[in-house]
Every structure is written in structure tokens, then in C-alpha cells.
Amino acid sequence: MRKENKDLLLAAGPTIFSNGQIQRWGVDCSNGWLGILLELVNKLESRQSTKSNKLVVLQIKEKFGTLRFYAENVTSQDALDIKIAEAASIHTCEECGQPGKLKNDGWMRTMCEPCFEEWVSIRNKKADAPANEALKNFLGDYKP
């Protein structure tokens, strides 16, 4: 997630992010889920003033193509809101926030078609780069 989006997210939850645990484990997902996360953080934060045992966010990440939101001191309503946000991620492109689908081409990602095509293209270029470099090193200056 871009720094400015992470900062926006952390600012939306000053109580639930106050212990610094999120700085240790981080926010490890793309920008497309920012809307889902902001909605969730706003809900969780709004309930903290009435709780004696405050919710603490430990980690936010993508795992197997879906959002994972780990926290301590979670009430049943908090847990329900977290599950709803995680479920929404299955239908939201993690790159751009548009409607998406869970895709599996060796990596599980939830993406719209344009973002998925770009992801595959970039991944293939990165995968080809070491092989091309190895071939160049092997052939040296040879010209057929």
C-alpha cells in the first residue's frame, strides 16, 4: 500500500492503531482495498470509546488473494465487521478497487481483468529477465 494511503488509514483509527503493533507487522496489501479498510476502521474506531478493553490492530495483509485483518480484544460485532470486510475483498480488485474476481495462476490474487492482465505481463517480464541474462552471458558476443 502506498505510504499516503497507509497514513490515511492509520489516521482514521487513532485508538485502534495507538499501541504501535501495526508498525511492527504492517499493512501488506495493495491500494484497491483502501475503501474496504477505511469503512472497517471507521466502524471499529467508533465503538472504542464505550469499551474498557480496547481493540488493537496487529496486522493487515493479503493472503491467498483475500484480505486478512488481525486484531486483539475483538467483540462479536467487531468480528462480524471484520468478516464482512474480508468477504468484500473477494469481489474487489486489490489493485484498483473495481469489481474483481479471485484468480489463481500459481498466485492467488483478487483482480479485475485489466489489472490481472498487467500483473501477468509484469510477472512474465520479471521471470524472463534472469533467463535472458543467463543466455546472454552464455553466448557472450557470439553472432550467428
N, C-alpha and C. Protein backbone atom coordinates (compact mmCIF):
# COMPACT_ATOMS: atom_id res chain seq x y z
N MET A 1 0.85 -1.17 0.00
CA MET A 1 0.00 0.00 0.00
C MET A 1 0.89 1.24 0.00
N ARG A 2 0.51 2.21 -0.83
CA ARG A 2 1.28 3.45 -0.88
C ARG A 2 1.27 4.13 0.49
N LYS A 3 2.37 4.82 0.79
CA LYS A 3 2.53 5.46 2.09
C LYS A 3 1.39 6.41 2.43
N GLU A 4 0.95 7.23 1.47
CA GLU A 4 -0.12 8.19 1.75
C GLU A 4 -1.44 7.49 2.08
N ASN A 5 -1.70 6.34 1.48
CA ASN A 5 -2.90 5.58 1.80
C ASN A 5 -2.79 4.92 3.17
N LYS A 6 -1.60 4.41 3.47
CA LYS A 6 -1.38 3.83 4.80
C LYS A 6 -1.55 4.90 5.87
N ASP A 7 -0.99 6.08 5.63
CA ASP A 7 -1.13 7.18 6.60
C ASP A 7 -2.59 7.56 6.80
N LEU A 8 -3.37 7.59 5.71
CA LEU A 8 -4.80 7.90 5.78
C LEU A 8 -5.52 6.86 6.62
N LEU A 9 -5.19 5.60 6.41
CA LEU A 9 -5.79 4.51 7.16
C LEU A 9 -5.46 4.61 8.65
N LEU A 10 -4.19 4.83 8.96
CA LEU A 10 -3.78 4.93 10.37
C LEU A 10 -4.41 6.14 11.05
N ALA A 11 -4.58 7.23 10.33
CA ALA A 11 -5.20 8.43 10.90
C ALA A 11 -6.68 8.20 11.19
N ALA A 12 -7.32 7.32 10.45
CA ALA A 12 -8.74 7.02 10.66
C ALA A 12 -8.98 6.21 11.93
N GLY A 13 -7.94 5.59 12.46
CA GLY A 13 -8.09 4.73 13.64
C GLY A 13 -7.07 5.04 14.72
N PRO A 14 -7.05 6.26 15.25
CA PRO A 14 -6.01 6.59 16.23
C PRO A 14 -6.03 5.72 17.49
N THR A 15 -7.20 5.26 17.90
CA THR A 15 -7.28 4.42 19.09
C THR A 15 -6.85 2.99 18.79
N ILE A 16 -7.35 2.41 17.70
CA ILE A 16 -7.08 1.00 17.42
C ILE A 16 -5.66 0.76 16.90
N PHE A 17 -5.00 1.83 16.44
CA PHE A 17 -3.62 1.71 15.97
C PHE A 17 -2.62 2.32 16.95
N SER A 18 -3.08 2.75 18.13
CA SER A 18 -2.24 3.55 19.03
C SER A 18 -1.08 2.79 19.68
N ASN A 19 -1.15 1.48 19.78
CA ASN A 19 -0.10 0.76 20.51
C ASN A 19 1.14 0.48 19.68
N GLY A 20 1.10 0.79 18.39
CA GLY A 20 2.27 0.61 17.55
C GLY A 20 2.45 -0.78 16.97
N GLN A 21 1.57 -1.73 17.29
CA GLN A 21 1.70 -3.08 16.77
C GLN A 21 1.65 -3.11 15.24
N ILE A 22 0.82 -2.25 14.66
CA ILE A 22 0.70 -2.23 13.20
C ILE A 22 2.01 -1.79 12.56
N GLN A 23 2.80 -0.99 13.27
CA GLN A 23 4.10 -0.58 12.74
C GLN A 23 5.06 -1.78 12.69
N ARG A 24 4.88 -2.70 13.61
CA ARG A 24 5.73 -3.89 13.65
C ARG A 24 5.38 -4.87 12.53
N TRP A 25 4.09 -5.16 12.37
CA TRP A 25 3.66 -6.16 11.39
C TRP A 25 3.24 -5.54 10.07
N GLY A 26 2.75 -4.33 10.11
CA GLY A 26 2.49 -3.58 8.88
C GLY A 26 1.15 -3.78 8.22
N VAL A 27 1.00 -3.01 7.15
CA VAL A 27 -0.15 -3.11 6.25
C VAL A 27 0.43 -3.63 4.95
N ASP A 28 0.13 -4.86 4.63
CA ASP A 28 0.74 -5.51 3.47
C ASP A 28 -0.34 -5.97 2.49
N CYS A 29 -0.94 -4.97 1.83
CA CYS A 29 -1.90 -5.25 0.77
C CYS A 29 -1.85 -4.07 -0.19
N SER A 30 -2.51 -4.21 -1.32
CA SER A 30 -2.47 -3.16 -2.33
C SER A 30 -3.52 -2.09 -2.06
N ASN A 31 -3.49 -1.05 -2.88
CA ASN A 31 -4.31 0.14 -2.67
C ASN A 31 -5.79 -0.06 -2.96
N GLY A 32 -6.15 -1.07 -3.73
CA GLY A 32 -7.54 -1.26 -4.11
C GLY A 32 -8.48 -1.57 -2.96
N TRP A 33 -7.96 -2.06 -1.87
CA TRP A 33 -8.79 -2.39 -0.71
C TRP A 33 -8.87 -1.26 0.30
N LEU A 34 -8.34 -0.09 -0.04
CA LEU A 34 -8.36 1.04 0.90
C LEU A 34 -9.78 1.39 1.32
N GLY A 35 -10.72 1.43 0.38
CA GLY A 35 -12.12 1.75 0.72
C GLY A 35 -12.71 0.77 1.71
N ILE A 36 -12.48 -0.51 1.50
CA ILE A 36 -12.97 -1.55 2.42
C ILE A 36 -12.36 -1.34 3.79
N LEU A 37 -11.06 -1.08 3.82
CA LEU A 37 -10.36 -0.91 5.10
C LEU A 37 -10.79 0.35 5.83
N LEU A 38 -10.97 1.45 5.11
CA LEU A 38 -11.41 2.69 5.77
C LEU A 38 -12.79 2.52 6.39
N GLU A 39 -13.68 1.86 5.67
CA GLU A 39 -15.03 1.61 6.21
C GLU A 39 -14.94 0.75 7.48
N LEU A 40 -14.13 -0.29 7.45
CA LEU A 40 -13.96 -1.16 8.61
C LEU A 40 -13.34 -0.40 9.78
N VAL A 41 -12.26 0.32 9.52
CA VAL A 41 -11.57 1.05 10.59
C VAL A 41 -12.50 2.09 11.22
N ASN A 42 -13.29 2.78 10.42
CA ASN A 42 -14.23 3.76 10.96
C ASN A 42 -15.25 3.09 11.88
N LYS A 43 -15.76 1.92 11.50
CA LYS A 43 -16.71 1.19 12.35
C LYS A 43 -16.06 0.77 13.66
N LEU A 44 -14.88 0.18 13.56
CA LEU A 44 -14.19 -0.29 14.77
C LEU A 44 -13.82 0.86 15.68
N GLU A 45 -13.30 1.92 15.11
CA GLU A 45 -12.88 3.09 15.90
C GLU A 45 -14.06 3.72 16.61
N SER A 46 -15.22 3.77 15.96
CA SER A 46 -16.40 4.43 16.55
C SER A 46 -16.89 3.74 17.81
N ARG A 47 -16.59 2.47 17.97
CA ARG A 47 -17.03 1.73 19.16
C ARG A 47 -16.03 1.75 20.30
N GLN A 48 -14.84 2.28 20.10
CA GLN A 48 -13.80 2.17 21.12
C GLN A 48 -14.06 3.00 22.37
N SER A 49 -14.76 4.11 22.24
CA SER A 49 -14.99 4.97 23.42
C SER A 49 -15.86 4.28 24.46
N THR A 50 -16.63 3.30 24.06
CA THR A 50 -17.52 2.61 25.01
C THR A 50 -16.90 1.33 25.56
N LYS A 51 -15.70 0.98 25.11
CA LYS A 51 -15.08 -0.27 25.55
C LYS A 51 -13.99 -0.01 26.58
N SER A 52 -13.94 -0.86 27.60
CA SER A 52 -12.86 -0.73 28.57
C SER A 52 -11.60 -1.44 28.05
N ASN A 53 -11.80 -2.52 27.33
CA ASN A 53 -10.68 -3.29 26.77
C ASN A 53 -10.61 -2.97 25.27
N LYS A 54 -9.75 -2.04 24.91
CA LYS A 54 -9.70 -1.51 23.55
C LYS A 54 -9.19 -2.53 22.54
N LEU A 55 -9.79 -2.50 21.36
CA LEU A 55 -9.34 -3.32 20.24
C LEU A 55 -7.97 -2.84 19.80
N VAL A 56 -7.10 -3.79 19.46
CA VAL A 56 -5.75 -3.49 19.00
C VAL A 56 -5.55 -4.19 17.66
N VAL A 57 -5.24 -3.42 16.62
CA VAL A 57 -4.97 -4.00 15.31
C VAL A 57 -3.52 -4.46 15.28
N LEU A 58 -3.31 -5.70 14.92
CA LEU A 58 -1.96 -6.28 14.88
C LEU A 58 -1.37 -6.28 13.48
N GLN A 59 -2.19 -6.66 12.49
CA GLN A 59 -1.67 -6.81 11.13
C GLN A 59 -2.81 -6.76 10.13
N ILE A 60 -2.52 -6.19 8.97
CA ILE A 60 -3.45 -6.17 7.84
C ILE A 60 -2.65 -6.66 6.65
N LYS A 61 -3.17 -7.69 5.96
CA LYS A 61 -2.41 -8.21 4.83
C LYS A 61 -3.32 -8.93 3.84
N GLU A 62 -2.74 -9.25 2.70
CA GLU A 62 -3.37 -10.11 1.71
C GLU A 62 -2.81 -11.51 1.91
N LYS A 63 -3.69 -12.49 1.89
CA LYS A 63 -3.25 -13.88 1.98
C LYS A 63 -4.20 -14.72 1.15
N PHE A 64 -3.63 -15.51 0.24
CA PHE A 64 -4.41 -16.34 -0.67
C PHE A 64 -5.45 -15.53 -1.44
N GLY A 65 -5.08 -14.29 -1.79
CA GLY A 65 -5.92 -13.45 -2.63
C GLY A 65 -7.03 -12.70 -1.92
N THR A 66 -7.08 -12.80 -0.60
CA THR A 66 -8.12 -12.08 0.13
C THR A 66 -7.51 -11.30 1.30
N LEU A 67 -8.28 -10.37 1.80
CA LEU A 67 -7.86 -9.52 2.91
C LEU A 67 -7.87 -10.31 4.21
N ARG A 68 -6.85 -10.08 5.02
CA ARG A 68 -6.80 -10.62 6.39
C ARG A 68 -6.57 -9.43 7.33
N PHE A 69 -7.36 -9.39 8.39
CA PHE A 69 -7.32 -8.30 9.36
C PHE A 69 -7.21 -8.94 10.74
N TYR A 70 -6.04 -8.84 11.36
CA TYR A 70 -5.79 -9.48 12.65
C TYR A 70 -5.83 -8.44 13.77
N ALA A 71 -6.61 -8.75 14.83
CA ALA A 71 -6.75 -7.82 15.95
C ALA A 71 -6.97 -8.59 17.24
N GLU A 72 -6.71 -7.91 18.35
CA GLU A 72 -6.96 -8.46 19.69
C GLU A 72 -8.10 -7.69 20.35
N ASN A 73 -8.70 -8.28 21.36
CA ASN A 73 -9.79 -7.67 22.14
C ASN A 73 -10.99 -7.36 21.24
N VAL A 74 -11.35 -8.32 20.43
CA VAL A 74 -12.41 -8.17 19.45
C VAL A 74 -13.75 -8.62 20.04
N THR A 75 -14.77 -7.77 19.92
CA THR A 75 -16.12 -8.15 20.34
C THR A 75 -16.77 -8.95 19.21
N SER A 76 -17.94 -9.51 19.48
CA SER A 76 -18.64 -10.26 18.44
C SER A 76 -19.02 -9.34 17.27
N GLN A 77 -19.40 -8.09 17.55
CA GLN A 77 -19.73 -7.14 16.48
C GLN A 77 -18.48 -6.78 15.68
N ASP A 78 -17.36 -6.60 16.37
CA ASP A 78 -16.08 -6.34 15.68
C ASP A 78 -15.74 -7.50 14.75
N ALA A 79 -15.87 -8.72 15.25
CA ALA A 79 -15.55 -9.91 14.46
C ALA A 79 -16.44 -10.00 13.23
N LEU A 80 -17.71 -9.67 13.38
CA LEU A 80 -18.63 -9.69 12.25
C LEU A 80 -18.22 -8.65 11.20
N ASP A 81 -17.90 -7.45 11.64
CA ASP A 81 -17.47 -6.40 10.71
C ASP A 81 -16.18 -6.79 9.99
N ILE A 82 -15.26 -7.42 10.69
CA ILE A 82 -14.01 -7.88 10.08
C ILE A 82 -14.30 -8.94 9.02
N LYS A 83 -15.16 -9.89 9.34
CA LYS A 83 -15.51 -10.95 8.37
C LYS A 83 -16.19 -10.36 7.14
N ILE A 84 -17.04 -9.37 7.32
CA ILE A 84 -17.72 -8.72 6.19
C ILE A 84 -16.69 -8.03 5.29
N ALA A 85 -15.74 -7.34 5.89
CA ALA A 85 -14.69 -6.66 5.11
C ALA A 85 -13.83 -7.69 4.37
N GLU A 86 -13.46 -8.76 5.05
CA GLU A 86 -12.65 -9.80 4.39
C GLU A 86 -13.42 -10.43 3.23
N ALA A 87 -14.72 -10.65 3.43
CA ALA A 87 -15.54 -11.23 2.36
C ALA A 87 -15.67 -10.25 1.18
N ALA A 88 -15.78 -8.96 1.46
CA ALA A 88 -15.88 -7.97 0.38
C ALA A 88 -14.63 -7.95 -0.48
N SER A 89 -13.49 -8.30 0.10
CA SER A 89 -12.23 -8.28 -0.65
C SER A 89 -12.22 -9.31 -1.78
N ILE A 90 -13.02 -10.36 -1.66
CA ILE A 90 -13.06 -11.41 -2.68
C ILE A 90 -13.70 -10.90 -3.97
N HIS A 91 -14.42 -9.79 -3.88
CA HIS A 91 -15.13 -9.23 -5.03
C HIS A 91 -14.60 -7.86 -5.42
N THR A 92 -13.43 -7.49 -4.89
CA THR A 92 -12.87 -6.16 -5.13
C THR A 92 -11.43 -6.29 -5.58
N CYS A 93 -11.09 -5.68 -6.71
CA CYS A 93 -9.72 -5.73 -7.22
C CYS A 93 -8.78 -5.11 -6.20
N GLU A 94 -7.78 -5.87 -5.81
CA GLU A 94 -6.85 -5.38 -4.79
C GLU A 94 -5.93 -4.29 -5.31
N GLU A 95 -5.86 -4.11 -6.62
CA GLU A 95 -5.02 -3.06 -7.20
C GLU A 95 -5.76 -1.74 -7.38
N CYS A 96 -6.99 -1.78 -7.95
CA CYS A 96 -7.67 -0.53 -8.31
C CYS A 96 -8.99 -0.30 -7.59
N GLY A 97 -9.54 -1.31 -6.91
CA GLY A 97 -10.78 -1.15 -6.17
C GLY A 97 -12.05 -1.41 -6.97
N GLN A 98 -11.91 -1.69 -8.26
CA GLN A 98 -13.07 -2.01 -9.10
C GLN A 98 -13.53 -3.45 -8.80
N PRO A 99 -14.72 -3.83 -9.28
CA PRO A 99 -15.14 -5.21 -9.08
C PRO A 99 -14.10 -6.18 -9.65
N GLY A 100 -13.84 -7.24 -8.91
CA GLY A 100 -12.85 -8.22 -9.33
C GLY A 100 -13.26 -9.62 -8.94
N LYS A 101 -12.43 -10.57 -9.36
CA LYS A 101 -12.67 -11.98 -9.04
C LYS A 101 -11.37 -12.59 -8.55
N LEU A 102 -11.51 -13.60 -7.71
CA LEU A 102 -10.35 -14.34 -7.23
C LEU A 102 -9.78 -15.14 -8.40
N LYS A 103 -8.50 -14.94 -8.67
CA LYS A 103 -7.83 -15.60 -9.79
C LYS A 103 -6.67 -16.41 -9.24
N ASN A 104 -6.40 -17.53 -9.92
CA ASN A 104 -5.31 -18.38 -9.49
C ASN A 104 -4.54 -18.86 -10.71
N ASP A 105 -3.37 -18.27 -10.91
CA ASP A 105 -2.49 -18.74 -11.98
C ASP A 105 -1.14 -19.13 -11.39
N GLY A 106 -1.21 -19.71 -10.21
CA GLY A 106 0.00 -20.01 -9.46
C GLY A 106 0.13 -19.05 -8.27
N TRP A 107 -0.40 -17.85 -8.44
CA TRP A 107 -0.54 -16.86 -7.36
C TRP A 107 -2.02 -16.56 -7.24
N MET A 108 -2.55 -16.55 -6.04
CA MET A 108 -3.95 -16.20 -5.85
C MET A 108 -4.04 -14.71 -5.63
N ARG A 109 -4.81 -14.05 -6.49
CA ARG A 109 -5.00 -12.60 -6.41
C ARG A 109 -6.45 -12.30 -6.74
N THR A 110 -7.02 -11.29 -6.12
CA THR A 110 -8.36 -10.84 -6.50
C THR A 110 -8.18 -9.58 -7.33
N MET A 111 -8.57 -9.68 -8.62
CA MET A 111 -8.31 -8.59 -9.55
C MET A 111 -9.39 -8.50 -10.61
N CYS A 112 -9.50 -7.29 -11.19
CA CYS A 112 -10.31 -7.10 -12.38
C CYS A 112 -9.47 -7.57 -13.58
N GLU A 113 -10.09 -7.73 -14.72
CA GLU A 113 -9.37 -8.24 -15.89
C GLU A 113 -8.19 -7.35 -16.31
N PRO A 114 -8.37 -6.01 -16.43
CA PRO A 114 -7.23 -5.19 -16.86
C PRO A 114 -6.04 -5.26 -15.89
N CYS A 115 -6.30 -5.23 -14.60
CA CYS A 115 -5.19 -5.31 -13.63
C CYS A 115 -4.54 -6.68 -13.66
N PHE A 116 -5.35 -7.73 -13.85
CA PHE A 116 -4.79 -9.08 -13.90
C PHE A 116 -3.88 -9.24 -15.13
N GLU A 117 -4.33 -8.73 -16.28
CA GLU A 117 -3.51 -8.81 -17.49
C GLU A 117 -2.18 -8.07 -17.30
N GLU A 118 -2.23 -6.91 -16.67
CA GLU A 118 -1.00 -6.16 -16.40
C GLU A 118 -0.10 -6.92 -15.43
N TRP A 119 -0.69 -7.51 -14.40
CA TRP A 119 0.06 -8.30 -13.41
C TRP A 119 0.78 -9.46 -14.09
N VAL A 120 0.08 -10.19 -14.95
CA VAL A 120 0.67 -11.33 -15.63
C VAL A 120 1.81 -10.87 -16.54
N SER A 121 1.60 -9.77 -17.24
CA SER A 121 2.63 -9.23 -18.13
C SER A 121 3.89 -8.84 -17.36
N ILE A 122 3.72 -8.13 -16.28
CA ILE A 122 4.86 -7.71 -15.45
C ILE A 122 5.57 -8.92 -14.86
N ARG A 123 4.79 -9.86 -14.35
CA ARG A 123 5.37 -11.06 -13.74
C ARG A 123 6.15 -11.86 -14.78
N ASN A 124 5.61 -11.99 -15.99
CA ASN A 124 6.31 -12.73 -17.04
C ASN A 124 7.60 -12.04 -17.44
N LYS A 125 7.61 -10.72 -17.51
CA LYS A 125 8.84 -9.99 -17.84
C LYS A 125 9.90 -10.22 -16.78
N LYS A 126 9.48 -10.18 -15.51
CA LYS A 126 10.43 -10.41 -14.42
C LYS A 126 10.96 -11.83 -14.45
N ALA A 127 10.09 -12.79 -14.77
CA ALA A 127 10.51 -14.19 -14.82
C ALA A 127 11.46 -14.43 -15.99
N ASP A 128 11.24 -13.74 -17.12
CA ASP A 128 12.08 -13.92 -18.30
C ASP A 128 13.43 -13.24 -18.15
N ALA A 129 13.53 -12.19 -17.35
CA ALA A 129 14.77 -11.41 -17.25
C ALA A 129 15.97 -12.26 -16.84
N PRO A 130 15.90 -13.10 -15.79
CA PRO A 130 17.08 -13.92 -15.43
C PRO A 130 17.46 -14.90 -16.53
N ALA A 131 16.46 -15.50 -17.21
CA ALA A 131 16.77 -16.44 -18.27
C ALA A 131 17.44 -15.72 -19.44
N ASN A 132 16.95 -14.55 -19.79
CA ASN A 132 17.56 -13.79 -20.88
C ASN A 132 18.99 -13.39 -20.54
N GLU A 133 19.22 -12.98 -19.31
CA GLU A 133 20.56 -12.58 -18.87
C GLU A 133 21.50 -13.79 -18.87
N ALA A 134 21.01 -14.94 -18.43
CA ALA A 134 21.83 -16.15 -18.42
C ALA A 134 22.21 -16.55 -19.85
N LEU A 135 21.25 -16.46 -20.77
CA LEU A 135 21.53 -16.79 -22.16
C LEU A 135 22.56 -15.82 -22.75
N LYS A 136 22.42 -14.55 -22.45
CA LYS A 136 23.37 -13.54 -22.93
C LYS A 136 24.77 -13.82 -22.39
N ASN A 137 24.85 -14.16 -21.11
CA ASN A 137 26.16 -14.48 -20.51
C ASN A 137 26.76 -15.73 -21.13
N PHE A 138 25.94 -16.71 -21.45
CA PHE A 138 26.41 -17.94 -22.04
C PHE A 138 26.93 -17.71 -23.47
N LEU A 139 26.17 -16.95 -24.26
CA LEU A 139 26.53 -16.73 -25.65
C LEU A 139 27.64 -15.68 -25.84
N GLY A 140 27.74 -14.78 -24.87
CA GLY A 140 28.73 -13.73 -24.97
C GLY A 140 28.53 -12.88 -26.22
N ASP A 141 29.57 -12.69 -26.99
CA ASP A 141 29.48 -11.87 -28.21
C ASP A 141 29.17 -12.68 -29.45
N TYR A 142 28.81 -13.94 -29.29
CA TYR A 142 28.55 -14.80 -30.44
C TYR A 142 27.42 -14.23 -31.28
N LYS A 143 27.62 -14.16 -32.58
CA LYS A 143 26.61 -13.71 -33.53
C LYS A 143 26.51 -14.77 -34.62
N PRO A 144 25.36 -15.39 -34.82
CA PRO A 144 25.23 -16.43 -35.85
C PRO A 144 25.27 -15.85 -37.26
